[in-house]
Structures are given as C-alpha cells and as structure tokens.
Amino acid sequence: MGADRGPSSSGKTTFSKRLAVQLLACGISPFALAKDNYLSTGILTPLDEDGKPDFEAISALGSRAPDSDLKRLIDGEGCSFRITTF
C-alpha cells in the first residue's frame, strides 16, 4: 500500500496513473482510492476566504470517509463510490 499527497495540481493523479502502469507491467493489479471521490458537493463544500470552494479543507470530505472503504478492501470485501471529475 502506498500514498501520495500534495496540494491541488501537484501531479498526484498523474503520478498514481504512471505508478499503476509500472505495477501492471510487474504483474501487480493496483487500485487507487482518490480523495476527490470523497469530497462533499454543492452547498456542503466549505468556502475559502474568497468565497470559492475549498477542496483542500479536511471538512471538504463528505460523511463517508475513505478509511472505511480502505478497510473493506484490505479485508477482501468490495465497495462502491461516486467517481468525481473536475
């Protein structure tokens, strides 16, 4: 298991996709959990000092935290979630 983190537009998704390609080439089937898929939407999204959505704030995570999905995957169970695209 691995994790990468950083601010918006720092290349986390690009890195994850490149890592997945390399792992597949080594016979390992990776699965990425993206924080973006757990963000609140609409009126629940916190705003920054300029009134714009603040997706970096921890409070931007919705009520469904990724840790429960990660535990289920480690235990060999399945999970489903919304895919968010920006």
Protein backbone atom coordinates (compact mmCIF):
# COMPACT_ATOMS: atom_id res chain seq x y z
CA MET A 1 0.00 0.00 0.00
CA GLY A 2 1.23 3.49 -0.77
CA ALA A 3 0.01 7.04 -0.53
CA ASP A 4 0.81 10.30 -2.19
CA ARG A 5 -0.31 13.71 -1.10
CA GLY A 6 0.11 17.32 -2.03
CA PRO A 7 -1.78 20.45 -2.97
CA SER A 8 -4.14 20.77 -5.92
CA SER A 9 -2.47 20.41 -9.33
CA SER A 10 0.74 18.96 -7.88
CA GLY A 11 0.63 15.82 -10.03
CA LYS A 12 -0.82 13.27 -7.58
CA THR A 13 -3.22 11.75 -10.11
CA THR A 14 -0.59 11.71 -12.86
CA PHE A 15 1.88 10.01 -10.52
CA SER A 16 -0.74 7.44 -9.46
CA LYS A 17 -1.56 6.59 -13.06
CA ARG A 18 2.11 6.22 -14.00
CA LEU A 19 2.72 4.06 -10.94
CA ALA A 20 -0.28 1.89 -11.87
CA VAL A 21 1.18 1.30 -15.35
CA GLN A 22 4.51 0.22 -13.88
CA LEU A 23 2.87 -2.05 -11.32
CA LEU A 24 0.76 -3.66 -14.05
CA ALA A 25 3.95 -4.27 -16.04
CA CYS A 26 5.26 -6.13 -12.98
CA GLY A 27 2.12 -8.26 -12.71
CA ILE A 28 0.57 -6.33 -9.83
CA SER A 29 -3.02 -5.10 -10.17
CA PRO A 30 -3.25 -1.78 -8.31
CA PHE A 31 -6.37 0.06 -7.23
CA ALA A 32 -6.27 3.75 -6.39
CA LEU A 33 -8.58 5.49 -3.94
CA ALA A 34 -8.74 9.18 -4.81
CA LYS A 35 -9.65 11.79 -2.21
CA ASP A 36 -11.65 13.59 -4.91
CA ASN A 37 -14.18 10.75 -4.82
CA TYR A 38 -14.98 11.53 -1.18
CA LEU A 39 -15.46 15.29 -1.41
CA SER A 40 -18.71 16.96 -0.41
CA THR A 41 -20.62 18.55 -3.24
CA GLY A 42 -22.82 21.58 -3.64
CA ILE A 43 -23.79 23.55 -0.55
CA LEU A 44 -21.84 21.18 1.73
CA THR A 45 -18.48 22.20 0.26
CA PRO A 46 -16.65 24.68 2.53
CA LEU A 47 -15.66 28.02 1.02
CA ASP A 48 -12.30 29.77 1.24
CA GLU A 49 -11.75 33.43 2.12
CA ASP A 50 -12.58 34.42 -1.48
CA GLY A 51 -15.89 32.53 -1.42
CA LYS A 52 -14.64 29.76 -3.72
CA PRO A 53 -14.98 26.03 -2.93
CA ASP A 54 -12.09 24.92 -0.67
CA PHE A 55 -11.43 21.31 -1.64
CA GLU A 56 -8.18 21.29 0.37
CA ALA A 57 -10.01 21.69 3.71
CA ILE A 58 -10.43 18.47 5.71
CA SER A 59 -14.07 19.47 6.18
CA ALA A 60 -14.48 19.12 2.39
CA LEU A 61 -14.52 15.36 2.87
CA GLY A 62 -18.06 14.06 2.88
CA SER A 63 -19.61 11.99 5.64
CA ARG A 64 -18.27 8.84 4.02
CA ALA A 65 -14.57 8.68 4.83
CA PRO A 66 -12.10 6.70 2.72
CA ASP A 67 -10.80 4.77 5.74
CA SER A 68 -13.92 2.57 5.85
CA ASP A 69 -13.54 1.69 2.14
CA LEU A 70 -9.84 1.02 2.60
CA LYS A 71 -10.53 -1.34 5.49
CA ARG A 72 -13.13 -3.18 3.42
CA LEU A 73 -10.70 -3.58 0.51
CA ILE A 74 -7.93 -4.85 2.82
CA ASP A 75 -10.42 -7.35 4.26
CA GLY A 76 -11.15 -8.59 0.73
CA GLU A 77 -14.62 -7.06 0.57
CA GLY A 78 -15.98 -4.85 -2.20
CA CYS A 79 -17.05 -1.24 -2.07
CA SER A 80 -18.57 1.28 -4.43
CA PHE A 81 -18.34 5.04 -4.56
CA ARG A 82 -19.05 8.02 -6.79
CA ILE A 83 -16.31 8.98 -9.27
CA THR A 84 -15.69 12.72 -9.25
CA THR A 85 -14.17 14.52 -12.21
CA PHE A 86 -13.13 18.16 -12.37
